[in-house]
Amino acid sequence: MGKVTCASARPGRRTSAAAFRGEAAEEGDPLLDFAPYLHRAPRGNSITPARQRAFIAELAACGIVTQAARSIGVSLEALYKLRNRAGAEGFAAAWEAAIDRGMARLEDCALERALAGEERPVVRGGKVVTTWVRHDTALLMFLLRQRRARRYDRGGALPQPGDPVYERLKAMWLEEEQASVGEVQASLEAKLAEFRERVTGRLEAERLEAGRLDGEVAGPPRCD
């Protein structure tokens, strides 16, 4: 799978694989080496072999049929109608292969999210003071069951307390959770200390200023 890039205006906030697209299939890619449907009497709006390959290339990159159809200016109805025609078996197979490539990219994004976690903000007083990393346990177990079914699936049931797998994963999650909580607490304490220091300095400055003004109002000392 090629490099993926994010088309979102705020890629740092996007975790959905739909926000990312892979590199478009280029000439020489096996995905485009299929027998296209040939129209007996092509018209100006016919889905020609070139447009069929352009659709497959875009579908492999984005994984979204609607977006790929829009890229070549063809309706979904026309594409599905073409796909089901006799003689369009090559196009239909390439369509499925492009979807599989998109699903592989989606699976890789899910695996990255399960391992690296999702950064979430900590808000205090209407402002983001720090962030912490949340690990999606359900997503992690789903991927383990899919990729290591013999070890983790066990008829679709999750490992239960007392199971070595359960206890090992629980210990790992608790350790990560405690580390995250410690980081958040340390950050909050540092922010509070900084806030107290600023408030103390401001109060001291106001006290000195008030003393200076009181001296000016009283005037110079009188000599009787």
C-alpha atoms as a PDB file:
ATOM      1  CA  MET A   1       0.000   0.000   0.000  1.00  0.00           C
ATOM      2  CA  GLY A   2       1.292   3.448  -0.892  1.00  0.00           C
ATOM      3  CA  LYS A   3       1.661   6.507   1.255  1.00  0.00           C
ATOM      4  CA  VAL A   4      -1.578   8.005   2.607  1.00  0.00           C
ATOM      5  CA  THR A   5      -2.245  11.725   2.811  1.00  0.00           C
ATOM      6  CA  CYS A   6      -5.004  13.607   4.603  1.00  0.00           C
ATOM      7  CA  ALA A   7      -7.355  15.800   2.605  1.00  0.00           C
ATOM      8  CA  SER A   8      -8.920  17.239   5.758  1.00  0.00           C
ATOM      9  CA  ALA A   9      -8.395  20.890   6.716  1.00  0.00           C
ATOM     10  CA  ARG A  10      -7.575  19.708  10.259  1.00  0.00           C
ATOM     11  CA  PRO A  11      -5.651  16.428   9.837  1.00  0.00           C
ATOM     12  CA  GLY A  12      -4.474  16.412  13.442  1.00  0.00           C
ATOM     13  CA  ARG A  13      -8.092  16.081  14.582  1.00  0.00           C
ATOM     14  CA  ARG A  14      -9.069  13.353  12.122  1.00  0.00           C
ATOM     15  CA  THR A  15      -8.850   9.716  13.129  1.00  0.00           C
ATOM     16  CA  SER A  16     -11.248   8.333  10.581  1.00  0.00           C
ATOM     17  CA  ALA A  17      -9.537   6.601   7.680  1.00  0.00           C
ATOM     18  CA  ALA A  18     -12.101   8.287   5.424  1.00  0.00           C
ATOM     19  CA  ALA A  19     -10.163  11.521   6.000  1.00  0.00           C
ATOM     20  CA  PHE A  20      -7.127   9.942   4.364  1.00  0.00           C
ATOM     21  CA  ARG A  21      -6.486   8.786   0.833  1.00  0.00           C
ATOM     22  CA  GLY A  22      -3.812   6.605  -0.652  1.00  0.00           C
ATOM     23  CA  GLU A  23      -1.823   7.267  -3.774  1.00  0.00           C
ATOM     24  CA  ALA A  24      -3.864   6.884  -6.937  1.00  0.00           C
ATOM     25  CA  ALA A  25      -3.125   3.815  -9.032  1.00  0.00           C
ATOM     26  CA  GLU A  26      -0.891   4.738 -11.972  1.00  0.00           C
ATOM     27  CA  GLU A  27      -0.156   3.179 -15.334  1.00  0.00           C
ATOM     28  CA  GLY A  28       1.482  -0.197 -14.818  1.00  0.00           C
ATOM     29  CA  ASP A  29      -0.426  -0.923 -11.608  1.00  0.00           C
ATOM     30  CA  PRO A  30      -1.863  -4.489 -11.820  1.00  0.00           C
ATOM     31  CA  LEU A  31      -5.147  -3.087 -10.547  1.00  0.00           C
ATOM     32  CA  LEU A  32      -5.654  -1.268 -13.842  1.00  0.00           C
ATOM     33  CA  ASP A  33      -4.730  -4.287 -15.961  1.00  0.00           C
ATOM     34  CA  PHE A  34      -8.288  -5.493 -16.506  1.00  0.00           C
ATOM     35  CA  ALA A  35     -10.459  -6.002 -19.559  1.00  0.00           C
ATOM     36  CA  PRO A  36     -12.834  -3.012 -19.650  1.00  0.00           C
ATOM     37  CA  TYR A  37     -16.363  -3.121 -20.975  1.00  0.00           C
ATOM     38  CA  LEU A  38     -16.482  -2.098 -24.645  1.00  0.00           C
ATOM     39  CA  HIS A  39     -19.568  -0.266 -25.846  1.00  0.00           C
ATOM     40  CA  ARG A  40     -20.776  -1.337 -29.255  1.00  0.00           C
ATOM     41  CA  ALA A  41     -21.739   2.195 -30.204  1.00  0.00           C
ATOM     42  CA  PRO A  42     -20.130   4.558 -27.676  1.00  0.00           C
ATOM     43  CA  ARG A  43     -21.719   7.967 -27.178  1.00  0.00           C
ATOM     44  CA  GLY A  44     -20.372  11.153 -25.694  1.00  0.00           C
ATOM     45  CA  ASN A  45     -21.453  10.228 -22.176  1.00  0.00           C
ATOM     46  CA  SER A  46     -20.447   6.542 -22.378  1.00  0.00           C
ATOM     47  CA  ILE A  47     -18.193   5.141 -19.646  1.00  0.00           C
ATOM     48  CA  THR A  48     -15.243   4.412 -21.894  1.00  0.00           C
ATOM     49  CA  PRO A  49     -12.318   2.142 -20.954  1.00  0.00           C
ATOM     50  CA  ALA A  50     -10.289   5.228 -20.007  1.00  0.00           C
ATOM     51  CA  ARG A  51     -13.037   6.448 -17.687  1.00  0.00           C
ATOM     52  CA  GLN A  52     -13.437   2.972 -16.208  1.00  0.00           C
ATOM     53  CA  ARG A  53      -9.729   2.890 -15.338  1.00  0.00           C
ATOM     54  CA  ALA A  54      -9.886   6.430 -13.941  1.00  0.00           C
ATOM     55  CA  PHE A  55     -12.779   5.358 -11.711  1.00  0.00           C
ATOM     56  CA  ILE A  56     -10.902   2.274 -10.463  1.00  0.00           C
ATOM     57  CA  ALA A  57      -7.762   4.333  -9.769  1.00  0.00           C
ATOM     58  CA  GLU A  58      -9.711   6.887  -7.723  1.00  0.00           C
ATOM     59  CA  LEU A  59     -11.678   4.193  -5.900  1.00  0.00           C
ATOM     60  CA  ALA A  60      -8.455   2.487  -4.826  1.00  0.00           C
ATOM     61  CA  ALA A  61      -7.126   5.805  -3.523  1.00  0.00           C
ATOM     62  CA  CYS A  62     -10.167   7.052  -1.601  1.00  0.00           C
ATOM     63  CA  GLY A  63     -12.176   3.870  -0.962  1.00  0.00           C
ATOM     64  CA  ILE A  64     -15.474   5.729  -1.482  1.00  0.00           C
ATOM     65  CA  VAL A  65     -17.588   4.778  -4.510  1.00  0.00           C
ATOM     66  CA  THR A  66     -19.517   8.064  -4.507  1.00  0.00           C
ATOM     67  CA  GLN A  67     -16.328  10.129  -4.554  1.00  0.00           C
ATOM     68  CA  ALA A  68     -14.762   7.993  -7.263  1.00  0.00           C
ATOM     69  CA  ALA A  69     -17.917   8.336  -9.388  1.00  0.00           C
ATOM     70  CA  ARG A  70     -17.875  12.105  -8.930  1.00  0.00           C
ATOM     71  CA  SER A  71     -14.259  12.268 -10.077  1.00  0.00           C
ATOM     72  CA  ILE A  72     -15.239  11.024 -13.551  1.00  0.00           C
ATOM     73  CA  GLY A  73     -18.617  12.768 -13.667  1.00  0.00           C
ATOM     74  CA  VAL A  74     -20.741   9.623 -13.776  1.00  0.00           C
ATOM     75  CA  SER A  75     -23.779   8.714 -11.690  1.00  0.00           C
ATOM     76  CA  LEU A  76     -23.779   5.733  -9.350  1.00  0.00           C
ATOM     77  CA  GLU A  77     -26.754   4.322 -11.231  1.00  0.00           C
ATOM     78  CA  ALA A  78     -24.811   4.290 -14.496  1.00  0.00           C
ATOM     79  CA  LEU A  79     -21.771   2.683 -12.877  1.00  0.00           C
ATOM     80  CA  TYR A  80     -23.736  -0.106 -11.190  1.00  0.00           C
ATOM     81  CA  LYS A  81     -25.666  -0.702 -14.387  1.00  0.00           C
ATOM     82  CA  LEU A  82     -22.401  -1.054 -16.299  1.00  0.00           C
ATOM     83  CA  ARG A  83     -20.930  -3.315 -13.644  1.00  0.00           C
ATOM     84  CA  ASN A  84     -23.811  -5.788 -13.976  1.00  0.00           C
ATOM     85  CA  ARG A  85     -23.662  -6.032 -17.756  1.00  0.00           C
ATOM     86  CA  ALA A  86     -22.433  -9.108 -19.556  1.00  0.00           C
ATOM     87  CA  GLY A  87     -18.919  -8.383 -20.734  1.00  0.00           C
ATOM     88  CA  ALA A  88     -18.103  -6.142 -17.747  1.00  0.00           C
ATOM     89  CA  GLU A  89     -16.724  -8.933 -15.569  1.00  0.00           C
ATOM     90  CA  GLY A  90     -13.219  -7.453 -15.714  1.00  0.00           C
ATOM     91  CA  PHE A  91     -14.502  -4.060 -14.586  1.00  0.00           C
ATOM     92  CA  ALA A  92     -16.506  -5.650 -11.749  1.00  0.00           C
ATOM     93  CA  ALA A  93     -13.474  -7.619 -10.548  1.00  0.00           C
ATOM     94  CA  ALA A  94     -11.282  -4.507 -10.622  1.00  0.00           C
ATOM     95  CA  TRP A  95     -13.986  -2.689  -8.638  1.00  0.00           C
ATOM     96  CA  GLU A  96     -13.838  -5.344  -5.902  1.00  0.00           C
ATOM     97  CA  ALA A  97     -10.015  -5.287  -5.895  1.00  0.00           C
ATOM     98  CA  ALA A  98     -10.043  -1.491  -5.487  1.00  0.00           C
ATOM     99  CA  ILE A  99     -12.440  -1.812  -2.518  1.00  0.00           C
ATOM    100  CA  ASP A 100     -10.142  -4.461  -0.981  1.00  0.00           C
ATOM    101  CA  ARG A 101      -7.202  -2.077  -1.289  1.00  0.00           C
ATOM    102  CA  GLY A 102      -9.212   0.621   0.451  1.00  0.00           C
ATOM    103  CA  MET A 103     -10.210  -1.814   3.212  1.00  0.00           C
ATOM    104  CA  ALA A 104      -6.561  -2.755   3.743  1.00  0.00           C
ATOM    105  CA  ARG A 105      -5.794   0.935   4.250  1.00  0.00           C
ATOM    106  CA  LEU A 106      -8.718   1.210   6.681  1.00  0.00           C
ATOM    107  CA  GLU A 107      -7.419  -1.792   8.632  1.00  0.00           C
ATOM    108  CA  ASP A 108      -3.949  -0.251   8.858  1.00  0.00           C
ATOM    109  CA  CYS A 109      -5.444   3.022  10.170  1.00  0.00           C
ATOM    110  CA  ALA A 110      -7.433   1.094  12.797  1.00  0.00           C
ATOM    111  CA  LEU A 111      -4.328  -0.825  13.864  1.00  0.00           C
ATOM    112  CA  GLU A 112      -2.355   2.415  14.216  1.00  0.00           C
ATOM    113  CA  ARG A 113      -5.130   3.937  16.312  1.00  0.00           C
ATOM    114  CA  ALA A 114      -5.335   0.865  18.557  1.00  0.00           C
ATOM    115  CA  LEU A 115      -1.575   0.833  19.177  1.00  0.00           C
ATOM    116  CA  ALA A 116      -0.802   4.556  19.337  1.00  0.00           C
ATOM    117  CA  GLY A 117      -4.051   5.594  21.014  1.00  0.00           C
ATOM    118  CA  GLU A 118      -6.132   8.714  20.511  1.00  0.00           C
ATOM    119  CA  GLU A 119      -5.041  12.069  21.911  1.00  0.00           C
ATOM    120  CA  ARG A 120      -7.783  13.770  23.901  1.00  0.00           C
ATOM    121  CA  PRO A 121      -7.788  17.241  25.495  1.00  0.00           C
ATOM    122  CA  VAL A 122      -8.107  18.136  29.178  1.00  0.00           C
ATOM    123  CA  VAL A 123     -10.130  21.347  29.529  1.00  0.00           C
ATOM    124  CA  ARG A 124     -10.010  23.574  32.596  1.00  0.00           C
ATOM    125  CA  GLY A 125     -11.651  26.962  32.811  1.00  0.00           C
ATOM    126  CA  GLY A 126     -12.660  26.796  29.172  1.00  0.00           C
ATOM    127  CA  LYS A 127      -9.069  26.255  28.008  1.00  0.00           C
ATOM    128  CA  VAL A 128      -7.114  23.164  26.974  1.00  0.00           C
ATOM    129  CA  VAL A 129      -4.393  22.765  29.595  1.00  0.00           C
ATOM    130  CA  THR A 130      -2.997  19.407  28.497  1.00  0.00           C
ATOM    131  CA  THR A 131      -3.847  16.210  26.648  1.00  0.00           C
ATOM    132  CA  TRP A 132      -3.929  12.504  27.446  1.00  0.00           C
ATOM    133  CA  VAL A 133      -3.853   9.362  25.314  1.00  0.00           C
ATOM    134  CA  ARG A 134      -6.873   7.050  25.330  1.00  0.00           C
ATOM    135  CA  HIS A 135      -6.432   3.472  24.120  1.00  0.00           C
ATOM    136  CA  ASP A 136      -9.517   1.830  22.618  1.00  0.00           C
ATOM    137  CA  THR A 137      -9.680  -1.586  24.290  1.00  0.00           C
ATOM    138  CA  ALA A 138     -12.631  -2.780  22.198  1.00  0.00           C
ATOM    139  CA  LEU A 139     -10.837  -1.895  18.953  1.00  0.00           C
ATOM    140  CA  LEU A 140      -7.671  -3.609  20.166  1.00  0.00           C
ATOM    141  CA  MET A 141      -9.512  -6.835  21.005  1.00  0.00           C
ATOM    142  CA  PHE A 142     -11.373  -6.760  17.689  1.00  0.00           C
ATOM    143  CA  LEU A 143      -8.096  -6.545  15.767  1.00  0.00           C
ATOM    144  CA  LEU A 144      -6.553  -9.312  17.867  1.00  0.00           C
ATOM    145  CA  ARG A 145      -9.519 -11.587  17.156  1.00  0.00           C
ATOM    146  CA  GLN A 146      -9.326 -10.807  13.447  1.00  0.00           C
ATOM    147  CA  ARG A 147      -5.572 -11.210  13.011  1.00  0.00           C
ATOM    148  CA  ARG A 148      -4.956 -13.873  15.672  1.00  0.00           C
ATOM    149  CA  ALA A 149      -8.282 -15.704  15.630  1.00  0.00           C
ATOM    150  CA  ARG A 150      -6.849 -19.033  16.808  1.00  0.00           C
ATOM    151  CA  ARG A 151      -5.447 -17.435  19.943  1.00  0.00           C
ATOM    152  CA  TYR A 152      -7.968 -14.706  20.781  1.00  0.00           C
ATOM    153  CA  ASP A 153     -11.328 -15.457  19.146  1.00  0.00           C
ATOM    154  CA  ARG A 154     -12.397 -18.533  21.146  1.00  0.00           C
ATOM    155  CA  GLY A 155     -15.844 -18.674  19.633  1.00  0.00           C
ATOM    156  CA  GLY A 156     -16.276 -14.913  19.671  1.00  0.00           C
ATOM    157  CA  ALA A 157     -16.024 -14.592  23.474  1.00  0.00           C
ATOM    158  CA  LEU A 158     -13.588 -12.213  25.112  1.00  0.00           C
ATOM    159  CA  PRO A 159     -10.994 -13.603  27.553  1.00  0.00           C
ATOM    160  CA  GLN A 160     -12.431 -13.681  31.070  1.00  0.00           C
ATOM    161  CA  PRO A 161     -10.844 -12.640  34.414  1.00  0.00           C
ATOM    162  CA  GLY A 162      -8.301 -15.235  35.433  1.00  0.00           C
ATOM    163  CA  ASP A 163      -7.398 -16.021  31.828  1.00  0.00           C
ATOM    164  CA  PRO A 164      -3.655 -15.348  31.272  1.00  0.00           C
ATOM    165  CA  VAL A 165      -4.446 -13.276  28.173  1.00  0.00           C
ATOM    166  CA  TYR A 166      -7.006 -11.194  30.081  1.00  0.00           C
ATOM    167  CA  GLU A 167      -4.684 -10.594  33.035  1.00  0.00           C
ATOM    168  CA  ARG A 168      -1.737  -9.681  30.800  1.00  0.00           C
ATOM    169  CA  LEU A 169      -3.778  -7.174  28.804  1.00  0.00           C
ATOM    170  CA  LYS A 170      -5.385  -5.787  31.973  1.00  0.00           C
ATOM    171  CA  ALA A 171      -1.973  -5.158  33.532  1.00  0.00           C
ATOM    172  CA  MET A 172      -0.807  -3.415  30.356  1.00  0.00           C
ATOM    173  CA  TRP A 173      -3.904  -1.193  30.182  1.00  0.00           C
ATOM    174  CA  LEU A 174      -3.726  -0.292  33.894  1.00  0.00           C
ATOM    175  CA  GLU A 175      -0.067   0.649  33.563  1.00  0.00           C
ATOM    176  CA  GLU A 176      -0.797   2.890  30.575  1.00  0.00           C
ATOM    177  CA  GLU A 177      -3.821   4.425  32.317  1.00  0.00           C
ATOM    178  CA  GLN A 178      -1.828   5.212  35.465  1.00  0.00           C
ATOM    179  CA  ALA A 179       0.936   6.766  33.393  1.00  0.00           C
ATOM    180  CA  SER A 180      -1.615   8.929  31.564  1.00  0.00           C
ATOM    181  CA  VAL A 181      -3.262  10.010  34.831  1.00  0.00           C
ATOM    182  CA  GLY A 182       0.136  10.863  36.318  1.00  0.00           C
ATOM    183  CA  GLU A 183       1.037  12.988  33.316  1.00  0.00           C
ATOM    184  CA  VAL A 184      -2.277  14.842  33.462  1.00  0.00           C
ATOM    185  CA  GLN A 185      -1.935  15.457  37.222  1.00  0.00           C
ATOM    186  CA  ALA A 186       1.642  16.714  36.884  1.00  0.00           C
ATOM    187  CA  SER A 187       0.616  19.060  34.090  1.00  0.00           C
ATOM    188  CA  LEU A 188      -2.324  20.426  36.084  1.00  0.00           C
ATOM    189  CA  GLU A 189      -0.147  20.977  39.161  1.00  0.00           C
ATOM    190  CA  ALA A 190       2.406  22.867  37.072  1.00  0.00           C
ATOM    191  CA  LYS A 191      -0.333  25.042  35.560  1.00  0.00           C
ATOM    192  CA  LEU A 192      -1.815  25.764  39.002  1.00  0.00           C
ATOM    193  CA  ALA A 193       1.603  26.677  40.424  1.00  0.00           C
ATOM    194  CA  GLU A 194       2.185  29.040  37.507  1.00  0.00           C
ATOM    195  CA  PHE A 195      -1.257  30.600  38.041  1.00  0.00           C
ATOM    196  CA  ARG A 196      -0.650  31.090  41.783  1.00  0.00           C
ATOM    197  CA  GLU A 197       2.708  32.725  41.057  1.00  0.00           C
ATOM    198  CA  ARG A 198       1.122  35.170  38.616  1.00  0.00           C
ATOM    199  CA  VAL A 199      -1.699  36.024  41.041  1.00  0.00           C
ATOM    200  CA  THR A 200       0.736  36.534  43.941  1.00  0.00           C
ATOM    201  CA  GLY A 201       2.926  38.797  41.825  1.00  0.00           C
ATOM    202  CA  ARG A 202      -0.041  40.848  40.685  1.00  0.00           C
ATOM    203  CA  LEU A 203      -1.353  41.275  44.246  1.00  0.00           C
ATOM    204  CA  GLU A 204       2.083  42.356  45.434  1.00  0.00           C
ATOM    205  CA  ALA A 205       2.353  44.885  42.618  1.00  0.00           C
ATOM    206  CA  GLU A 206      -1.104  46.264  43.447  1.00  0.00           C
ATOM    207  CA  ARG A 207      -0.158  46.531  47.144  1.00  0.00           C
ATOM    208  CA  LEU A 208       2.998  48.497  46.339  1.00  0.00           C
ATOM    209  CA  GLU A 209       1.109  50.746  43.937  1.00  0.00           C
ATOM    210  CA  ALA A 210      -1.565  51.420  46.573  1.00  0.00           C
ATOM    211  CA  GLY A 211       1.132  52.344  49.093  1.00  0.00           C
ATOM    212  CA  ARG A 212       2.752  54.742  46.640  1.00  0.00           C
ATOM    213  CA  LEU A 213      -0.544  56.456  45.891  1.00  0.00           C
ATOM    214  CA  ASP A 214      -1.333  56.792  49.603  1.00  0.00           C
ATOM    215  CA  GLY A 215       2.020  58.528  50.097  1.00  0.00           C
ATOM    216  CA  GLU A 216       1.325  60.983  47.282  1.00  0.00           C
ATOM    217  CA  VAL A 217      -2.119  61.870  48.684  1.00  0.00           C
ATOM    218  CA  ALA A 218      -0.745  62.461  52.170  1.00  0.00           C
ATOM    219  CA  GLY A 219       1.871  64.840  50.798  1.00  0.00           C
ATOM    220  CA  PRO A 220       5.359  65.531  52.189  1.00  0.00           C
ATOM    221  CA  PRO A 221       5.803  65.456  55.957  1.00  0.00           C
ATOM    222  CA  ARG A 222       5.147  68.784  57.711  1.00  0.00           C
ATOM    223  CA  CYS A 223       7.819  70.510  59.777  1.00  0.00           C
ATOM    224  CA  ASP A 224       6.230  72.301  62.791  1.00  0.00           C
END
